[in-house]
Amino acid sequence: MKIVIAGGTGQVGALAATHWLALGHEVVVLSRGGASAARVVRWDGKTLEDAWVRELDGADVVLNLAGRSVSCRYTEENLAEMLSSRVDSTRVVGAAIAGALSPPKLWLQMSTATIYAHRFDAANDEETGVLGGHEEGVPAYWKRSIHIALEWERMQHEAITPQTRKVALRTAMVMSGAGELAVTDNIFAVLSQLTRLGLGGAIGGGKQYISWIHGADFMRACDFILADDALKGPVNLAAPEPLPQREFMRALRDAWGVRMGLPATGWMASIGSFFMRTDPELVMKSRRVVPTRLLKAGFVFEHPNWPAAAKSLAVRS
């Protein structure tokens, strides 16, 4: 197959390009200038240009990962860029597909588990999950990231591409080995470094849920979706066993053989996030997400359990 990955030079893009190249597929990465194991074609993520548009015409699959990293301070400027980079790139991918003589059969569009409500009482799935934005007792600005997620998906949903099956990948944190991919947005590498420094304790009490997916299962799920024409619309890409943050970090400490991890209150997390140039929402929001549609379709996770997955990733790092 020919697979085009838009915005494919980050952690997930590198994972996808390596996986599909190893299977013998032709892989083309659209990028503003990053490096990749695949052939790279330049695009700006917002303008229809002949060079990259031609790559989609006749391709089998397009995977759009483009969007400014969420690992930043949620300033007005950064939030605006997070929104525009996602909406603009999705808009032009949809326009390119709509104008293709031979459009891709499948459009995999990155989305996020953040689209669901901050909750502890039950898990969110595609069928009964609560879309966030109206939670009580959480910072008002958290609604902004949910708005971004909703607009991101809306742009794909409204694209007129009748010959192309569209799937929105509501993705949890993708975990790949810290030494496996030399990119700066590797969340497992960041968490592992903090853990090995003794900072891998509970944050804000640690009751908030963490949803995650092993990188190998992320790619296996993409291949599964590619082969199952019945899967359309939103699909949660998250391991079936989310767990509270304190248990998540305890398992990560065990994986690295670290006995203790200093806990942090909510205000301490805010200060730490400031110095790390990220936002406390990323660690304080309870993302309790499960992959009901994948499981019902017959997908079997190789890494459903975080303690075992963390150990496998630590060995590979």
C-alpha atoms as a PDB file:
ATOM      1  CA  MET A   1       0.000   0.000   0.000  1.00  0.00           C
ATOM      2  CA  LYS A   2       0.882   3.658  -0.240  1.00  0.00           C
ATOM      3  CA  ILE A   3       0.376   5.440   3.075  1.00  0.00           C
ATOM      4  CA  VAL A   4       0.666   9.191   3.546  1.00  0.00           C
ATOM      5  CA  ILE A   5       1.351  10.511   7.075  1.00  0.00           C
ATOM      6  CA  ALA A   6       0.630  14.201   7.515  1.00  0.00           C
ATOM      7  CA  GLY A   7       2.605  15.789  10.336  1.00  0.00           C
ATOM      8  CA  GLY A   8       4.584  12.600  10.693  1.00  0.00           C
ATOM      9  CA  THR A   9       7.904  13.595  12.260  1.00  0.00           C
ATOM     10  CA  GLY A  10       6.933  13.403  15.945  1.00  0.00           C
ATOM     11  CA  GLN A  11       6.818  10.362  18.208  1.00  0.00           C
ATOM     12  CA  VAL A  12       3.669   8.777  16.750  1.00  0.00           C
ATOM     13  CA  GLY A  13       4.624   9.630  13.180  1.00  0.00           C
ATOM     14  CA  ALA A  14       8.042   8.053  13.603  1.00  0.00           C
ATOM     15  CA  LEU A  15       6.418   4.989  15.131  1.00  0.00           C
ATOM     16  CA  ALA A  16       3.960   4.706  12.239  1.00  0.00           C
ATOM     17  CA  ALA A  17       6.546   5.265   9.497  1.00  0.00           C
ATOM     18  CA  THR A  18       8.917   2.672  10.982  1.00  0.00           C
ATOM     19  CA  HIS A  19       6.110   0.136  11.403  1.00  0.00           C
ATOM     20  CA  TRP A  20       4.665   0.475   7.912  1.00  0.00           C
ATOM     21  CA  LEU A  21       8.039   0.628   6.174  1.00  0.00           C
ATOM     22  CA  ALA A  22       8.986  -2.631   7.900  1.00  0.00           C
ATOM     23  CA  LEU A  23       5.827  -4.209   6.457  1.00  0.00           C
ATOM     24  CA  GLY A  24       6.925  -3.211   2.965  1.00  0.00           C
ATOM     25  CA  HIS A  25       4.497  -0.354   2.366  1.00  0.00           C
ATOM     26  CA  GLU A  26       5.390   2.871   0.600  1.00  0.00           C
ATOM     27  CA  VAL A  27       5.289   5.641   3.196  1.00  0.00           C
ATOM     28  CA  VAL A  28       5.332   9.375   2.501  1.00  0.00           C
ATOM     29  CA  VAL A  29       5.547  11.902   5.331  1.00  0.00           C
ATOM     30  CA  LEU A  30       4.224  15.441   4.952  1.00  0.00           C
ATOM     31  CA  SER A  31       6.210  17.786   7.145  1.00  0.00           C
ATOM     32  CA  ARG A  32       7.207  21.391   7.598  1.00  0.00           C
ATOM     33  CA  GLY A  33      10.817  20.254   7.553  1.00  0.00           C
ATOM     34  CA  GLY A  34      11.383  17.434  10.057  1.00  0.00           C
ATOM     35  CA  ALA A  35      13.307  14.240   9.378  1.00  0.00           C
ATOM     36  CA  SER A  36      11.823  10.778   8.885  1.00  0.00           C
ATOM     37  CA  ALA A  37      12.801   7.274   7.852  1.00  0.00           C
ATOM     38  CA  ALA A  38      10.255   7.686   5.049  1.00  0.00           C
ATOM     39  CA  ARG A  39      10.308   9.997   2.044  1.00  0.00           C
ATOM     40  CA  VAL A  40       9.438  13.538   3.155  1.00  0.00           C
ATOM     41  CA  VAL A  41       7.383  16.023   1.150  1.00  0.00           C
ATOM     42  CA  ARG A  42       7.146  19.566   2.438  1.00  0.00           C
ATOM     43  CA  TRP A  43       3.811  21.107   3.411  1.00  0.00           C
ATOM     44  CA  ASP A  44       2.778  23.984   5.650  1.00  0.00           C
ATOM     45  CA  GLY A  45      -0.259  22.279   7.160  1.00  0.00           C
ATOM     46  CA  LYS A  46      -2.744  24.880   5.931  1.00  0.00           C
ATOM     47  CA  THR A  47      -2.341  25.439   2.201  1.00  0.00           C
ATOM     48  CA  LEU A  48      -3.286  23.237  -0.748  1.00  0.00           C
ATOM     49  CA  GLU A  49      -0.075  22.829  -2.734  1.00  0.00           C
ATOM     50  CA  ASP A  50       0.398  20.580  -5.766  1.00  0.00           C
ATOM     51  CA  ALA A  51       3.461  18.749  -4.422  1.00  0.00           C
ATOM     52  CA  TRP A  52       1.789  17.190  -1.399  1.00  0.00           C
ATOM     53  CA  VAL A  53      -1.738  17.061  -2.822  1.00  0.00           C
ATOM     54  CA  ARG A  54      -0.449  14.750  -5.591  1.00  0.00           C
ATOM     55  CA  GLU A  55       0.774  12.308  -2.956  1.00  0.00           C
ATOM     56  CA  LEU A  56      -2.764  11.761  -1.639  1.00  0.00           C
ATOM     57  CA  ASP A  57      -4.214  11.094  -5.099  1.00  0.00           C
ATOM     58  CA  GLY A  58      -3.910   7.326  -5.523  1.00  0.00           C
ATOM     59  CA  ALA A  59      -2.784   6.648  -1.949  1.00  0.00           C
ATOM     60  CA  ASP A  60      -4.504   3.872   0.011  1.00  0.00           C
ATOM     61  CA  VAL A  61      -4.425   5.479   3.467  1.00  0.00           C
ATOM     62  CA  VAL A  62      -3.833   8.928   4.898  1.00  0.00           C
ATOM     63  CA  LEU A  63      -3.019   9.357   8.591  1.00  0.00           C
ATOM     64  CA  ASN A  64      -3.220  12.971   9.742  1.00  0.00           C
ATOM     65  CA  LEU A  65      -1.254  13.627  12.924  1.00  0.00           C
ATOM     66  CA  ALA A  66      -0.636  17.330  12.401  1.00  0.00           C
ATOM     67  CA  GLY A  67      -1.070  19.710  15.307  1.00  0.00           C
ATOM     68  CA  ARG A  68       0.967  21.773  17.735  1.00  0.00           C
ATOM     69  CA  SER A  69       2.153  19.752  20.722  1.00  0.00           C
ATOM     70  CA  VAL A  70      -0.102  19.968  23.790  1.00  0.00           C
ATOM     71  CA  SER A  71       2.967  19.836  26.011  1.00  0.00           C
ATOM     72  CA  CYS A  72       3.108  23.591  26.535  1.00  0.00           C
ATOM     73  CA  ARG A  73       1.760  26.328  28.754  1.00  0.00           C
ATOM     74  CA  TYR A  74      -1.915  26.902  27.935  1.00  0.00           C
ATOM     75  CA  THR A  75      -1.497  30.570  27.128  1.00  0.00           C
ATOM     76  CA  GLU A  76      -3.923  32.306  24.758  1.00  0.00           C
ATOM     77  CA  GLU A  77      -1.281  32.252  22.036  1.00  0.00           C
ATOM     78  CA  ASN A  78      -0.508  28.543  22.463  1.00  0.00           C
ATOM     79  CA  LEU A  79      -4.173  27.542  22.680  1.00  0.00           C
ATOM     80  CA  ALA A  80      -4.925  29.486  19.509  1.00  0.00           C
ATOM     81  CA  GLU A  81      -2.050  27.745  17.725  1.00  0.00           C
ATOM     82  CA  MET A  82      -3.152  24.342  19.031  1.00  0.00           C
ATOM     83  CA  LEU A  83      -6.598  24.965  17.541  1.00  0.00           C
ATOM     84  CA  SER A  84      -5.533  26.460  14.209  1.00  0.00           C
ATOM     85  CA  SER A  85      -2.844  23.857  13.528  1.00  0.00           C
ATOM     86  CA  ARG A  86      -5.376  21.038  13.992  1.00  0.00           C
ATOM     87  CA  VAL A  87      -8.322  22.621  12.215  1.00  0.00           C
ATOM     88  CA  ASP A  88      -6.311  23.994   9.286  1.00  0.00           C
ATOM     89  CA  SER A  89      -4.434  20.751   8.610  1.00  0.00           C
ATOM     90  CA  THR A  90      -7.615  18.670   8.819  1.00  0.00           C
ATOM     91  CA  ARG A  91      -9.421  21.101   6.520  1.00  0.00           C
ATOM     92  CA  VAL A  92      -6.780  20.923   3.774  1.00  0.00           C
ATOM     93  CA  VAL A  93      -6.411  17.126   4.036  1.00  0.00           C
ATOM     94  CA  GLY A  94     -10.169  16.871   3.563  1.00  0.00           C
ATOM     95  CA  ALA A  95     -10.036  19.261   0.601  1.00  0.00           C
ATOM     96  CA  ALA A  96      -7.204  17.289  -1.000  1.00  0.00           C
ATOM     97  CA  ILE A  97      -9.121  14.030  -0.611  1.00  0.00           C
ATOM     98  CA  ALA A  98     -12.275  15.626  -2.006  1.00  0.00           C
ATOM     99  CA  GLY A  99     -10.402  16.804  -5.096  1.00  0.00           C
ATOM    100  CA  ALA A 100      -8.516  13.567  -5.762  1.00  0.00           C
ATOM    101  CA  LEU A 101      -9.311  11.516  -8.861  1.00  0.00           C
ATOM    102  CA  SER A 102      -8.453   8.378  -6.898  1.00  0.00           C
ATOM    103  CA  PRO A 103      -8.982   9.292  -3.229  1.00  0.00           C
ATOM    104  CA  PRO A 104      -7.611   7.229  -0.322  1.00  0.00           C
ATOM    105  CA  LYS A 105      -9.859   4.441   0.873  1.00  0.00           C
ATOM    106  CA  LEU A 106      -9.234   5.336   4.528  1.00  0.00           C
ATOM    107  CA  TRP A 107      -8.620   8.583   6.393  1.00  0.00           C
ATOM    108  CA  LEU A 108      -7.265   8.045   9.897  1.00  0.00           C
ATOM    109  CA  GLN A 109      -7.517  11.331  11.762  1.00  0.00           C
ATOM    110  CA  MET A 110      -5.732  11.821  15.049  1.00  0.00           C
ATOM    111  CA  SER A 111      -7.988  12.966  17.882  1.00  0.00           C
ATOM    112  CA  THR A 112      -7.612  12.779  21.647  1.00  0.00           C
ATOM    113  CA  ALA A 113      -8.992  11.096  24.749  1.00  0.00           C
ATOM    114  CA  THR A 114      -9.118  14.597  26.238  1.00  0.00           C
ATOM    115  CA  ILE A 115     -12.420  15.045  24.414  1.00  0.00           C
ATOM    116  CA  TYR A 116     -14.141  13.172  27.263  1.00  0.00           C
ATOM    117  CA  ALA A 117     -15.197  14.527  30.642  1.00  0.00           C
ATOM    118  CA  HIS A 118     -13.002  14.624  33.724  1.00  0.00           C
ATOM    119  CA  ARG A 119     -14.588  11.862  35.805  1.00  0.00           C
ATOM    120  CA  PHE A 120     -13.913   9.165  38.395  1.00  0.00           C
ATOM    121  CA  ASP A 121     -17.241   7.336  38.629  1.00  0.00           C
ATOM    122  CA  ALA A 122     -17.183   5.439  35.323  1.00  0.00           C
ATOM    123  CA  ALA A 123     -15.137   5.023  32.183  1.00  0.00           C
ATOM    124  CA  ASN A 124     -15.823   6.916  28.976  1.00  0.00           C
ATOM    125  CA  ASP A 125     -16.323   4.935  25.784  1.00  0.00           C
ATOM    126  CA  GLU A 126     -17.567   5.836  22.307  1.00  0.00           C
ATOM    127  CA  GLU A 127     -21.133   4.749  23.053  1.00  0.00           C
ATOM    128  CA  THR A 128     -21.933   6.163  26.488  1.00  0.00           C
ATOM    129  CA  GLY A 129     -18.977   8.409  27.277  1.00  0.00           C
ATOM    130  CA  VAL A 130     -19.584  11.988  28.346  1.00  0.00           C
ATOM    131  CA  LEU A 131     -17.970  14.599  26.140  1.00  0.00           C
ATOM    132  CA  GLY A 132     -16.297  17.121  28.387  1.00  0.00           C
ATOM    133  CA  GLY A 133     -16.687  20.845  28.750  1.00  0.00           C
ATOM    134  CA  HIS A 134     -19.209  21.271  31.539  1.00  0.00           C
ATOM    135  CA  GLU A 135     -17.530  19.680  34.557  1.00  0.00           C
ATOM    136  CA  GLU A 136     -17.877  21.329  37.952  1.00  0.00           C
ATOM    137  CA  GLY A 137     -14.951  21.859  40.269  1.00  0.00           C
ATOM    138  CA  VAL A 138     -12.263  22.002  37.576  1.00  0.00           C
ATOM    139  CA  PRO A 139     -10.463  25.038  36.132  1.00  0.00           C
ATOM    140  CA  ALA A 140     -12.601  26.804  33.549  1.00  0.00           C
ATOM    141  CA  TYR A 141      -9.781  26.910  31.005  1.00  0.00           C
ATOM    142  CA  TRP A 142      -9.838  23.094  30.743  1.00  0.00           C
ATOM    143  CA  LYS A 143     -12.831  23.611  28.472  1.00  0.00           C
ATOM    144  CA  ARG A 144     -10.503  25.087  25.872  1.00  0.00           C
ATOM    145  CA  SER A 145      -8.674  21.834  25.190  1.00  0.00           C
ATOM    146  CA  ILE A 146     -12.032  20.050  24.893  1.00  0.00           C
ATOM    147  CA  HIS A 147     -13.243  22.708  22.453  1.00  0.00           C
ATOM    148  CA  ILE A 148     -10.103  22.136  20.396  1.00  0.00           C
ATOM    149  CA  ALA A 149     -10.764  18.396  20.327  1.00  0.00           C
ATOM    150  CA  LEU A 150     -14.388  18.869  19.280  1.00  0.00           C
ATOM    151  CA  GLU A 151     -13.444  21.273  16.483  1.00  0.00           C
ATOM    152  CA  TRP A 152     -10.701  18.909  15.334  1.00  0.00           C
ATOM    153  CA  GLU A 153     -13.190  16.073  14.905  1.00  0.00           C
ATOM    154  CA  ARG A 154     -15.870  18.333  13.433  1.00  0.00           C
ATOM    155  CA  MET A 155     -13.550  19.375  10.633  1.00  0.00           C
ATOM    156  CA  GLN A 156     -13.041  15.753   9.590  1.00  0.00           C
ATOM    157  CA  HIS A 157     -16.712  14.864  10.011  1.00  0.00           C
ATOM    158  CA  GLU A 158     -17.866  17.735   7.790  1.00  0.00           C
ATOM    159  CA  ALA A 159     -15.363  17.037   5.000  1.00  0.00           C
ATOM    160  CA  ILE A 160     -17.207  15.817   1.903  1.00  0.00           C
ATOM    161  CA  THR A 161     -15.281  12.656   1.050  1.00  0.00           C
ATOM    162  CA  PRO A 162     -17.908  10.039   0.061  1.00  0.00           C
ATOM    163  CA  GLN A 163     -15.402   7.529  -1.301  1.00  0.00           C
ATOM    164  CA  THR A 164     -13.189   7.637   1.792  1.00  0.00           C
ATOM    165  CA  ARG A 165     -13.936   5.942   5.125  1.00  0.00           C
ATOM    166  CA  LYS A 166     -13.195   8.308   7.993  1.00  0.00           C
ATOM    167  CA  VAL A 167     -12.060   7.282  11.482  1.00  0.00           C
ATOM    168  CA  ALA A 168     -11.273   9.690  14.339  1.00  0.00           C
ATOM    169  CA  LEU A 169      -8.630   8.143  16.594  1.00  0.00           C
ATOM    170  CA  ARG A 170      -9.449   9.291  20.139  1.00  0.00           C
ATOM    171  CA  THR A 171      -5.985   8.474  21.384  1.00  0.00           C
ATOM    172  CA  ALA A 172      -4.645   8.204  24.920  1.00  0.00           C
ATOM    173  CA  MET A 173      -0.955   8.707  25.736  1.00  0.00           C
ATOM    174  CA  VAL A 174       1.089   6.581  23.332  1.00  0.00           C
ATOM    175  CA  MET A 175       3.902   4.814  25.155  1.00  0.00           C
ATOM    176  CA  SER A 176       7.025   3.766  23.265  1.00  0.00           C
ATOM    177  CA  GLY A 177      10.456   2.915  24.620  1.00  0.00           C
ATOM    178  CA  ALA A 178      12.508   5.885  25.765  1.00  0.00           C
ATOM    179  CA  GLY A 179      15.484   4.852  23.630  1.00  0.00           C
ATOM    180  CA  GLU A 180      13.402   3.505  20.792  1.00  0.00           C
ATOM    181  CA  LEU A 181      12.629   6.805  19.103  1.00  0.00           C
ATOM    182  CA  ALA A 182      14.899   9.818  19.408  1.00  0.00           C
ATOM    183  CA  VAL A 183      12.210  12.496  19.497  1.00  0.00           C
ATOM    184  CA  THR A 184      11.458  15.108  22.119  1.00  0.00           C
ATOM    185  CA  ASP A 185       7.738  14.328  22.521  1.00  0.00           C
ATOM    186  CA  ASN A 186       8.209  10.809  23.881  1.00  0.00           C
ATOM    187  CA  ILE A 187       5.991  10.854  26.983  1.00  0.00           C
ATOM    188  CA  PHE A 188       7.368   7.571  28.322  1.00  0.00           C
ATOM    189  CA  ALA A 189      10.892   9.017  28.216  1.00  0.00           C
ATOM    190  CA  VAL A 190       9.770  12.139  30.099  1.00  0.00           C
ATOM    191  CA  LEU A 191       7.913  10.198  32.789  1.00  0.00           C
ATOM    192  CA  SER A 192      10.776   7.722  33.108  1.00  0.00           C
ATOM    193  CA  GLN A 193      13.315  10.487  33.616  1.00  0.00           C
ATOM    194  CA  LEU A 194      11.218  12.045  36.382  1.00  0.00           C
ATOM    195  CA  THR A 195      10.739   8.630  37.977  1.00  0.00           C
ATOM    196  CA  ARG A 196      14.443   7.826  37.963  1.00  0.00           C
ATOM    197  CA  LEU A 197      15.119  11.202  39.560  1.00  0.00           C
ATOM    198  CA  GLY A 198      12.817  10.238  42.439  1.00  0.00           C
ATOM    199  CA  LEU A 199       9.949  12.495  41.323  1.00  0.00           C
ATOM    200  CA  GLY A 200       7.544   9.762  40.233  1.00  0.00           C
ATOM    201  CA  GLY A 201       5.001  10.003  43.044  1.00  0.00           C
ATOM    202  CA  ALA A 202       1.294  10.759  43.275  1.00  0.00           C
ATOM    203  CA  ILE A 203       0.213  14.185  42.040  1.00  0.00           C
ATOM    204  CA  GLY A 204      -2.694  15.973  43.657  1.00  0.00           C
ATOM    205  CA  GLY A 205      -3.603  12.831  45.581  1.00  0.00           C
ATOM    206  CA  GLY A 206      -3.227  10.596  42.520  1.00  0.00           C
ATOM    207  CA  LYS A 207      -6.900   9.642  42.178  1.00  0.00           C
ATOM    208  CA  GLN A 208      -7.188  10.987  38.626  1.00  0.00           C
ATOM    209  CA  TYR A 209      -7.201   8.260  35.991  1.00  0.00           C
ATOM    210  CA  ILE A 210      -4.487   7.798  33.390  1.00  0.00           C
ATOM    211  CA  SER A 211      -5.377   6.318  30.019  1.00  0.00           C
ATOM    212  CA  TRP A 212      -2.553   5.039  27.860  1.00  0.00           C
ATOM    213  CA  ILE A 213      -1.745   2.709  24.951  1.00  0.00           C
ATOM    214  CA  HIS A 214       1.434   0.812  24.131  1.00  0.00           C
ATOM    215  CA  GLY A 215       2.975   1.954  20.846  1.00  0.00           C
ATOM    216  CA  ALA A 216       2.836  -1.565  19.421  1.00  0.00           C
ATOM    217  CA  ASP A 217      -0.890  -1.776  20.173  1.00  0.00           C
ATOM    218  CA  PHE A 218      -1.458   1.648  18.660  1.00  0.00           C
ATOM    219  CA  MET A 219      -0.023   0.436  15.370  1.00  0.00           C
ATOM    220  CA  ARG A 220      -1.789  -2.921  15.571  1.00  0.00           C
ATOM    221  CA  ALA A 221      -5.056  -1.054  16.137  1.00  0.00           C
ATOM    222  CA  CYS A 222      -4.430   1.129  13.079  1.00  0.00           C
ATOM    223  CA  ASP A 223      -3.835  -1.999  10.992  1.00  0.00           C
ATOM    224  CA  PHE A 224      -6.969  -3.585  12.461  1.00  0.00           C
ATOM    225  CA  ILE A 225      -9.059  -0.531  11.555  1.00  0.00           C
ATOM    226  CA  LEU A 226      -7.569  -0.545   8.076  1.00  0.00           C
ATOM    227  CA  ALA A 227      -8.740  -4.133   7.570  1.00  0.00           C
ATOM    228  CA  ASP A 228     -12.229  -3.683   9.074  1.00  0.00           C
ATOM    229  CA  ASP A 229     -14.442  -1.632   6.752  1.00  0.00           C
ATOM    230  CA  ALA A 230     -17.208  -1.531   9.379  1.00  0.00           C
ATOM    231  CA  LEU A 231     -15.218   0.740  11.703  1.00  0.00           C
ATOM    232  CA  LYS A 232     -16.095   4.367  11.007  1.00  0.00           C
ATOM    233  CA  GLY A 233     -16.361   7.494  13.113  1.00  0.00           C
ATOM    234  CA  PRO A 234     -14.757   7.831  16.566  1.00  0.00           C
ATOM    235  CA  VAL A 235     -12.671   4.940  17.895  1.00  0.00           C
ATOM    236  CA  ASN A 236     -10.908   5.057  21.275  1.00  0.00           C
ATOM    237  CA  LEU A 237      -7.268   4.039  21.074  1.00  0.00           C
ATOM    238  CA  ALA A 238      -6.560   3.304  24.720  1.00  0.00           C
ATOM    239  CA  ALA A 239      -5.647   0.187  26.650  1.00  0.00           C
ATOM    240  CA  PRO A 240      -8.677  -1.437  28.328  1.00  0.00           C
ATOM    241  CA  GLU A 241      -7.308  -0.949  31.847  1.00  0.00           C
ATOM    242  CA  PRO A 242      -6.891   2.745  32.773  1.00  0.00           C
ATOM    243  CA  LEU A 243      -5.722   3.235  36.333  1.00  0.00           C
ATOM    244  CA  PRO A 244      -5.351   5.997  38.949  1.00  0.00           C
ATOM    245  CA  GLN A 245      -2.251   8.131  38.585  1.00  0.00           C
ATOM    246  CA  ARG A 246      -0.753   6.970  41.884  1.00  0.00           C
ATOM    247  CA  GLU A 247      -0.975   3.324  40.721  1.00  0.00           C
ATOM    248  CA  PHE A 248       0.296   4.254  37.275  1.00  0.00           C
ATOM    249  CA  MET A 249       3.411   5.860  38.748  1.00  0.00           C
ATOM    250  CA  ARG A 250       3.916   3.036  41.256  1.00  0.00           C
ATOM    251  CA  ALA A 251       4.046   0.568  38.353  1.00  0.00           C
ATOM    252  CA  LEU A 252       6.498   2.811  36.487  1.00  0.00           C
ATOM    253  CA  ARG A 253       8.743   2.984  39.556  1.00  0.00           C
ATOM    254  CA  ASP A 254       8.655  -0.800  39.808  1.00  0.00           C
ATOM    255  CA  ALA A 255       9.580  -1.096  36.132  1.00  0.00           C
ATOM    256  CA  TRP A 256      12.700   0.996  36.688  1.00  0.00           C
ATOM    257  CA  GLY A 257      13.537  -0.453  40.108  1.00  0.00           C
ATOM    258  CA  VAL A 258      12.985   2.868  41.878  1.00  0.00           C
ATOM    259  CA  ARG A 259      11.786   2.422  45.446  1.00  0.00           C
ATOM    260  CA  MET A 260      10.345   5.854  46.184  1.00  0.00           C
ATOM    261  CA  GLY A 261       8.724   8.753  44.381  1.00  0.00           C
ATOM    262  CA  LEU A 262       8.118  12.121  45.959  1.00  0.00           C
ATOM    263  CA  PRO A 263       4.426  13.090  45.912  1.00  0.00           C
ATOM    264  CA  ALA A 264       3.260  16.532  44.818  1.00  0.00           C
ATOM    265  CA  THR A 265       0.226  18.589  45.725  1.00  0.00           C
ATOM    266  CA  GLY A 266      -1.810  20.313  43.047  1.00  0.00           C
ATOM    267  CA  TRP A 267      -0.057  23.651  43.595  1.00  0.00           C
ATOM    268  CA  MET A 268       3.337  21.949  43.503  1.00  0.00           C
ATOM    269  CA  ALA A 269       2.360  20.349  40.182  1.00  0.00           C
ATOM    270  CA  SER A 270       1.438  23.801  38.876  1.00  0.00           C
ATOM    271  CA  ILE A 271       4.858  25.169  39.805  1.00  0.00           C
ATOM    272  CA  GLY A 272       6.628  22.135  38.343  1.00  0.00           C
ATOM    273  CA  SER A 273       4.618  22.390  35.140  1.00  0.00           C
ATOM    274  CA  PHE A 274       5.571  26.047  34.830  1.00  0.00           C
ATOM    275  CA  PHE A 275       9.290  25.243  34.925  1.00  0.00           C
ATOM    276  CA  MET A 276       8.822  22.322  32.518  1.00  0.00           C
ATOM    277  CA  ARG A 277       6.907  24.648  30.179  1.00  0.00           C
ATOM    278  CA  THR A 278       3.851  22.437  30.195  1.00  0.00           C
ATOM    279  CA  ASP A 279       0.397  22.624  31.793  1.00  0.00           C
ATOM    280  CA  PRO A 280      -0.933  20.914  34.954  1.00  0.00           C
ATOM    281  CA  GLU A 281      -4.108  19.885  33.093  1.00  0.00           C
ATOM    282  CA  LEU A 282      -2.055  17.154  31.435  1.00  0.00           C
ATOM    283  CA  VAL A 283      -1.508  15.407  34.783  1.00  0.00           C
ATOM    284  CA  MET A 284      -4.494  16.579  36.825  1.00  0.00           C
ATOM    285  CA  LYS A 285      -7.392  15.779  34.491  1.00  0.00           C
ATOM    286  CA  SER A 286      -8.911  12.327  35.023  1.00  0.00           C
ATOM    287  CA  ARG A 287      -8.890  10.617  31.624  1.00  0.00           C
ATOM    288  CA  ARG A 288     -10.743   7.348  32.190  1.00  0.00           C
ATOM    289  CA  VAL A 289     -11.205   5.984  28.674  1.00  0.00           C
ATOM    290  CA  VAL A 290     -11.856   2.450  27.410  1.00  0.00           C
ATOM    291  CA  PRO A 291     -11.830   1.037  23.822  1.00  0.00           C
ATOM    292  CA  THR A 292     -15.314  -0.475  23.552  1.00  0.00           C
ATOM    293  CA  ARG A 293     -15.582  -0.325  19.767  1.00  0.00           C
ATOM    294  CA  LEU A 294     -12.213  -2.024  19.207  1.00  0.00           C
ATOM    295  CA  LEU A 295     -12.986  -4.766  21.715  1.00  0.00           C
ATOM    296  CA  LYS A 296     -16.442  -5.414  20.258  1.00  0.00           C
ATOM    297  CA  ALA A 297     -14.891  -5.668  16.792  1.00  0.00           C
ATOM    298  CA  GLY A 298     -12.557  -8.408  18.042  1.00  0.00           C
ATOM    299  CA  PHE A 299      -9.297  -6.544  18.595  1.00  0.00           C
ATOM    300  CA  VAL A 300      -7.027  -8.201  21.172  1.00  0.00           C
ATOM    301  CA  PHE A 301      -4.496  -6.051  23.009  1.00  0.00           C
ATOM    302  CA  GLU A 302      -0.990  -7.428  23.417  1.00  0.00           C
ATOM    303  CA  HIS A 303      -0.399  -4.972  26.265  1.00  0.00           C
ATOM    304  CA  PRO A 304      -3.662  -4.463  28.190  1.00  0.00           C
ATOM    305  CA  ASN A 305      -2.030  -4.092  31.606  1.00  0.00           C
ATOM    306  CA  TRP A 306       0.161  -1.114  32.533  1.00  0.00           C
ATOM    307  CA  PRO A 307       2.568  -2.795  35.019  1.00  0.00           C
ATOM    308  CA  ALA A 308       3.559  -5.405  32.418  1.00  0.00           C
ATOM    309  CA  ALA A 309       3.643  -2.849  29.611  1.00  0.00           C
ATOM    310  CA  ALA A 310       5.854  -0.503  31.637  1.00  0.00           C
ATOM    311  CA  LYS A 311       8.326  -3.302  32.309  1.00  0.00           C
ATOM    312  CA  SER A 312       8.474  -4.202  28.613  1.00  0.00           C
ATOM    313  CA  LEU A 313       9.089  -0.577  27.656  1.00  0.00           C
ATOM    314  CA  ALA A 314      11.739  -0.071  30.326  1.00  0.00           C
ATOM    315  CA  VAL A 315      13.644  -3.098  28.995  1.00  0.00           C
ATOM    316  CA  ARG A 316      13.559  -1.701  25.461  1.00  0.00           C
ATOM    317  CA  SER A 317      14.677   1.783  26.525  1.00  0.00           C
END
